[in-house]
Amino acid sequence: MADPRGFNDTLAPVRQRAQWQLDEALAKLAGLCTQLGAARHTLTALEQRAREQAAHAGNAWRTRVDPSLQTRALHFLARVHSEQAAARLRIAELEQHESAARAESVKRQARLESLQRHRDEALGHFIQEQQRKDSVRADDDWLTRNPVTPRRSPP
C-alpha cells in the first residue's frame, strides 16, 4: 500500500471553510426548527384556551344575563383570536425561513461532498503515482543487483 503522508491537499482550507459553513447552516436550521416547534406549541395552547373560554362564556351567557360580562368575554375571545392569527402568521414565516435554511444546508452539504470527492480523487492519483514510482525504483534495484548479460549461443 502506498503511503499517503506526502500528499498535499491544496483545497484543505476551502474544504474546512465549507465544513464550517455547513455547520453554521445546520445550526441555523436547528434553531429555526426549535422556534417553529415552540410557535406550533403556542398556537395549540392558544386554540385550547380559546375553546375553553368560548365554552365557559357560552355557559355563563345561558345562566346569567350580564351585558358587561358578555362584552368583556367577547373582547377577550377577540384578543385570543387575534393572537391565534398572529401565531399562524409567525408559523408561516418560520416555515418559509426553515425551508430556505434547509435548501441552504443541502447546497452546502453538496459543495462539501464535492470537495471531499475531489480530495479522494486527488489522493487516489497521488497513490497511483507513488506506486508507479515505487515500481520503477524496484525495477531499477533489480536491474542493478542482477546485471543482464547477453546470452551466448552454444559453440
C-alpha atoms as a PDB file:
ATOM      1  CA  MET A   1       0.000   0.000   0.000  1.00  0.00           C
ATOM      2  CA  ALA A   2       1.305   3.416  -0.894  1.00  0.00           C
ATOM      3  CA  ASP A   3       1.981   5.928   1.845  1.00  0.00           C
ATOM      4  CA  PRO A   4      -0.330   8.980   1.675  1.00  0.00           C
ATOM      5  CA  ARG A   5       1.858  11.001   4.064  1.00  0.00           C
ATOM      6  CA  GLY A   6       3.413  13.014   1.263  1.00  0.00           C
ATOM      7  CA  PHE A   7       0.022  14.026  -0.104  1.00  0.00           C
ATOM      8  CA  ASN A   8      -0.537  17.784  -0.141  1.00  0.00           C
ATOM      9  CA  ASP A   9      -4.232  18.669  -0.223  1.00  0.00           C
ATOM     10  CA  THR A  10      -4.252  22.197  -1.613  1.00  0.00           C
ATOM     11  CA  LEU A  11      -8.009  22.570  -1.119  1.00  0.00           C
ATOM     12  CA  ALA A  12      -7.958  21.644   2.577  1.00  0.00           C
ATOM     13  CA  PRO A  13      -8.621  25.250   3.720  1.00  0.00           C
ATOM     14  CA  VAL A  14     -11.507  25.545   1.263  1.00  0.00           C
ATOM     15  CA  ARG A  15     -12.952  22.236   2.441  1.00  0.00           C
ATOM     16  CA  GLN A  16     -12.584  23.288   6.087  1.00  0.00           C
ATOM     17  CA  ARG A  17     -14.375  26.581   5.393  1.00  0.00           C
ATOM     18  CA  ALA A  18     -17.124  24.649   3.579  1.00  0.00           C
ATOM     19  CA  GLN A  19     -17.458  22.379   6.639  1.00  0.00           C
ATOM     20  CA  TRP A  20     -17.772  25.419   8.904  1.00  0.00           C
ATOM     21  CA  GLN A  21     -20.387  26.938   6.613  1.00  0.00           C
ATOM     22  CA  LEU A  22     -22.333  23.676   6.627  1.00  0.00           C
ATOM     23  CA  ASP A  23     -22.148  23.509  10.422  1.00  0.00           C
ATOM     24  CA  GLU A  24     -23.390  27.099  10.616  1.00  0.00           C
ATOM     25  CA  ALA A  25     -26.263  26.388   8.207  1.00  0.00           C
ATOM     26  CA  LEU A  26     -27.253  23.269  10.170  1.00  0.00           C
ATOM     27  CA  ALA A  27     -27.172  25.209  13.451  1.00  0.00           C
ATOM     28  CA  LYS A  28     -29.397  27.880  11.919  1.00  0.00           C
ATOM     29  CA  LEU A  29     -31.774  25.190  10.657  1.00  0.00           C
ATOM     30  CA  ALA A  30     -31.887  23.565  14.098  1.00  0.00           C
ATOM     31  CA  GLY A  31     -32.674  26.927  15.694  1.00  0.00           C
ATOM     32  CA  LEU A  32     -35.476  27.549  13.229  1.00  0.00           C
ATOM     33  CA  CYS A  33     -36.893  24.067  13.833  1.00  0.00           C
ATOM     34  CA  THR A  34     -36.884  24.757  17.571  1.00  0.00           C
ATOM     35  CA  GLN A  35     -38.608  28.111  17.068  1.00  0.00           C
ATOM     36  CA  LEU A  36     -41.143  26.510  14.760  1.00  0.00           C
ATOM     37  CA  GLY A  37     -41.916  23.800  17.304  1.00  0.00           C
ATOM     38  CA  ALA A  38     -42.353  26.420  20.027  1.00  0.00           C
ATOM     39  CA  ALA A  39     -44.621  28.507  17.786  1.00  0.00           C
ATOM     40  CA  ARG A  40     -46.761  25.471  16.973  1.00  0.00           C
ATOM     41  CA  HIS A  41     -46.976  24.627  20.670  1.00  0.00           C
ATOM     42  CA  THR A  42     -48.037  28.218  21.398  1.00  0.00           C
ATOM     43  CA  LEU A  43     -50.731  28.046  18.721  1.00  0.00           C
ATOM     44  CA  THR A  44     -52.028  24.757  20.111  1.00  0.00           C
ATOM     45  CA  ALA A  45     -52.176  26.280  23.597  1.00  0.00           C
ATOM     46  CA  LEU A  46     -53.993  29.350  22.251  1.00  0.00           C
ATOM     47  CA  GLU A  47     -56.513  27.189  20.414  1.00  0.00           C
ATOM     48  CA  GLN A  48     -57.124  25.121  23.552  1.00  0.00           C
ATOM     49  CA  ARG A  49     -57.507  28.300  25.621  1.00  0.00           C
ATOM     50  CA  ALA A  50     -59.949  29.763  23.090  1.00  0.00           C
ATOM     51  CA  ARG A  51     -62.062  26.592  23.147  1.00  0.00           C
ATOM     52  CA  GLU A  52     -62.158  26.567  26.935  1.00  0.00           C
ATOM     53  CA  GLN A  53     -63.019  30.252  27.199  1.00  0.00           C
ATOM     54  CA  ALA A  54     -65.655  30.026  24.472  1.00  0.00           C
ATOM     55  CA  ALA A  55     -67.296  27.124  26.288  1.00  0.00           C
ATOM     56  CA  HIS A  56     -67.086  28.998  29.581  1.00  0.00           C
ATOM     57  CA  ALA A  57     -68.556  32.152  28.029  1.00  0.00           C
ATOM     58  CA  GLY A  58     -71.365  30.156  26.410  1.00  0.00           C
ATOM     59  CA  ASN A  59     -72.267  28.596  29.753  1.00  0.00           C
ATOM     60  CA  ALA A  60     -72.123  31.973  31.502  1.00  0.00           C
ATOM     61  CA  TRP A  61     -74.421  33.593  28.931  1.00  0.00           C
ATOM     62  CA  ARG A  62     -77.016  30.915  29.423  1.00  0.00           C
ATOM     63  CA  THR A  63     -77.003  31.133  33.206  1.00  0.00           C
ATOM     64  CA  ARG A  64     -76.825  34.903  33.758  1.00  0.00           C
ATOM     65  CA  VAL A  65     -77.505  37.899  31.667  1.00  0.00           C
ATOM     66  CA  ASP A  66     -74.804  40.482  32.361  1.00  0.00           C
ATOM     67  CA  PRO A  67     -74.055  42.684  29.335  1.00  0.00           C
ATOM     68  CA  SER A  68     -70.754  43.990  30.757  1.00  0.00           C
ATOM     69  CA  LEU A  69     -69.529  40.464  31.477  1.00  0.00           C
ATOM     70  CA  GLN A  70     -70.548  39.339  27.987  1.00  0.00           C
ATOM     71  CA  THR A  71     -68.757  42.328  26.456  1.00  0.00           C
ATOM     72  CA  ARG A  72     -65.564  41.556  28.387  1.00  0.00           C
ATOM     73  CA  ALA A  73     -65.772  37.900  27.359  1.00  0.00           C
ATOM     74  CA  LEU A  74     -66.228  38.855  23.702  1.00  0.00           C
ATOM     75  CA  HIS A  75     -63.248  41.247  23.875  1.00  0.00           C
ATOM     76  CA  PHE A  76     -61.153  38.520  25.481  1.00  0.00           C
ATOM     77  CA  LEU A  77     -62.158  35.986  22.814  1.00  0.00           C
ATOM     78  CA  ALA A  78     -61.416  38.539  20.085  1.00  0.00           C
ATOM     79  CA  ARG A  79     -57.952  39.124  21.581  1.00  0.00           C
ATOM     80  CA  VAL A  80     -57.289  35.376  21.752  1.00  0.00           C
ATOM     81  CA  HIS A  81     -58.432  35.070  18.136  1.00  0.00           C
ATOM     82  CA  SER A  82     -56.044  37.844  17.047  1.00  0.00           C
ATOM     83  CA  GLU A  83     -53.228  36.112  18.982  1.00  0.00           C
ATOM     84  CA  GLN A  84     -54.051  32.907  17.100  1.00  0.00           C
ATOM     85  CA  ALA A  85     -53.903  34.768  13.785  1.00  0.00           C
ATOM     86  CA  ALA A  86     -50.541  36.290  14.749  1.00  0.00           C
ATOM     87  CA  ALA A  87     -49.253  32.847  15.778  1.00  0.00           C
ATOM     88  CA  ARG A  88     -50.356  31.377  12.433  1.00  0.00           C
ATOM     89  CA  LEU A  89     -48.551  34.174  10.580  1.00  0.00           C
ATOM     90  CA  ARG A  90     -45.442  33.568  12.670  1.00  0.00           C
ATOM     91  CA  ILE A  91     -45.609  29.842  11.891  1.00  0.00           C
ATOM     92  CA  ALA A  92     -45.942  30.542   8.159  1.00  0.00           C
ATOM     93  CA  GLU A  93     -42.971  32.915   8.326  1.00  0.00           C
ATOM     94  CA  LEU A  94     -40.879  30.394  10.251  1.00  0.00           C
ATOM     95  CA  GLU A  95     -41.819  27.638   7.782  1.00  0.00           C
ATOM     96  CA  GLN A  96     -40.547  29.814   4.924  1.00  0.00           C
ATOM     97  CA  HIS A  97     -37.299  30.516   6.783  1.00  0.00           C
ATOM     98  CA  GLU A  98     -36.956  26.829   7.639  1.00  0.00           C
ATOM     99  CA  SER A  99     -37.454  25.852   4.005  1.00  0.00           C
ATOM    100  CA  ALA A 100     -34.809  28.361   2.888  1.00  0.00           C
ATOM    101  CA  ALA A 101     -32.403  27.189   5.607  1.00  0.00           C
ATOM    102  CA  ARG A 102     -32.981  23.555   4.617  1.00  0.00           C
ATOM    103  CA  ALA A 103     -32.222  24.378   0.960  1.00  0.00           C
ATOM    104  CA  GLU A 104     -29.086  26.256   2.025  1.00  0.00           C
ATOM    105  CA  SER A 105     -27.968  23.292   4.137  1.00  0.00           C
ATOM    106  CA  VAL A 106     -28.484  20.908   1.218  1.00  0.00           C
ATOM    107  CA  LYS A 107     -26.484  23.225  -1.051  1.00  0.00           C
ATOM    108  CA  ARG A 108     -23.642  23.480   1.455  1.00  0.00           C
ATOM    109  CA  GLN A 109     -23.661  19.695   2.001  1.00  0.00           C
ATOM    110  CA  ALA A 110     -23.418  19.111  -1.756  1.00  0.00           C
ATOM    111  CA  ARG A 111     -20.486  21.541  -2.009  1.00  0.00           C
ATOM    112  CA  LEU A 112     -18.663  19.842   0.857  1.00  0.00           C
ATOM    113  CA  GLU A 113     -19.259  16.401  -0.674  1.00  0.00           C
ATOM    114  CA  SER A 114     -17.928  17.676  -3.996  1.00  0.00           C
ATOM    115  CA  LEU A 115     -14.768  18.956  -2.311  1.00  0.00           C
ATOM    116  CA  GLN A 116     -14.386  15.643  -0.476  1.00  0.00           C
ATOM    117  CA  ARG A 117     -14.765  13.696  -3.744  1.00  0.00           C
ATOM    118  CA  HIS A 118     -12.108  15.920  -5.302  1.00  0.00           C
ATOM    119  CA  ARG A 119      -9.775  15.199  -2.375  1.00  0.00           C
ATOM    120  CA  ASP A 120     -10.406  11.465  -2.643  1.00  0.00           C
ATOM    121  CA  GLU A 121      -9.701  11.518  -6.396  1.00  0.00           C
ATOM    122  CA  ALA A 122      -6.522  13.568  -5.922  1.00  0.00           C
ATOM    123  CA  LEU A 123      -5.365  11.195  -3.184  1.00  0.00           C
ATOM    124  CA  GLY A 124      -6.079   8.239  -5.476  1.00  0.00           C
ATOM    125  CA  HIS A 125      -3.990   9.818  -8.245  1.00  0.00           C
ATOM    126  CA  PHE A 126      -1.224  10.568  -5.748  1.00  0.00           C
ATOM    127  CA  ILE A 127      -1.189   6.967  -4.534  1.00  0.00           C
ATOM    128  CA  GLN A 128      -1.143   5.643  -8.113  1.00  0.00           C
ATOM    129  CA  GLU A 129       1.777   7.912  -8.961  1.00  0.00           C
ATOM    130  CA  GLN A 130       3.608   6.877  -5.806  1.00  0.00           C
ATOM    131  CA  GLN A 131       3.034   3.195  -6.634  1.00  0.00           C
ATOM    132  CA  ARG A 132       4.319   3.786 -10.163  1.00  0.00           C
ATOM    133  CA  LYS A 133       7.470   5.430  -8.788  1.00  0.00           C
ATOM    134  CA  ASP A 134       7.940   2.588  -6.292  1.00  0.00           C
ATOM    135  CA  SER A 135       7.614   0.084  -9.128  1.00  0.00           C
ATOM    136  CA  VAL A 136      10.203   1.930 -11.236  1.00  0.00           C
ATOM    137  CA  ARG A 137      12.535   2.062  -8.226  1.00  0.00           C
ATOM    138  CA  ALA A 138      12.086  -1.672  -7.616  1.00  0.00           C
ATOM    139  CA  ASP A 139      12.821  -2.413 -11.273  1.00  0.00           C
ATOM    140  CA  ASP A 140      15.957  -0.257 -11.145  1.00  0.00           C
ATOM    141  CA  ASP A 141      17.083  -2.020  -7.948  1.00  0.00           C
ATOM    142  CA  TRP A 142      16.550  -5.425  -9.515  1.00  0.00           C
ATOM    143  CA  LEU A 143      18.442  -4.437 -12.637  1.00  0.00           C
ATOM    144  CA  THR A 144      21.291  -3.071 -10.526  1.00  0.00           C
ATOM    145  CA  ARG A 145      21.601  -6.254  -8.482  1.00  0.00           C
ATOM    146  CA  ASN A 146      21.119  -8.651 -11.370  1.00  0.00           C
ATOM    147  CA  PRO A 147      23.032  -7.362 -14.335  1.00  0.00           C
ATOM    148  CA  VAL A 148      21.689  -8.531 -17.600  1.00  0.00           C
ATOM    149  CA  THR A 149      24.242 -10.452 -19.563  1.00  0.00           C
ATOM    150  CA  PRO A 150      23.702 -11.243 -23.181  1.00  0.00           C
ATOM    151  CA  ARG A 151      23.046 -14.866 -23.995  1.00  0.00           C
ATOM    152  CA  ARG A 152      25.745 -16.688 -25.752  1.00  0.00           C
ATOM    153  CA  SER A 153      24.931 -19.160 -28.359  1.00  0.00           C
ATOM    154  CA  PRO A 154      26.278 -22.648 -27.815  1.00  0.00           C
ATOM    155  CA  PRO A 155      29.576 -23.389 -29.623  1.00  0.00           C
END
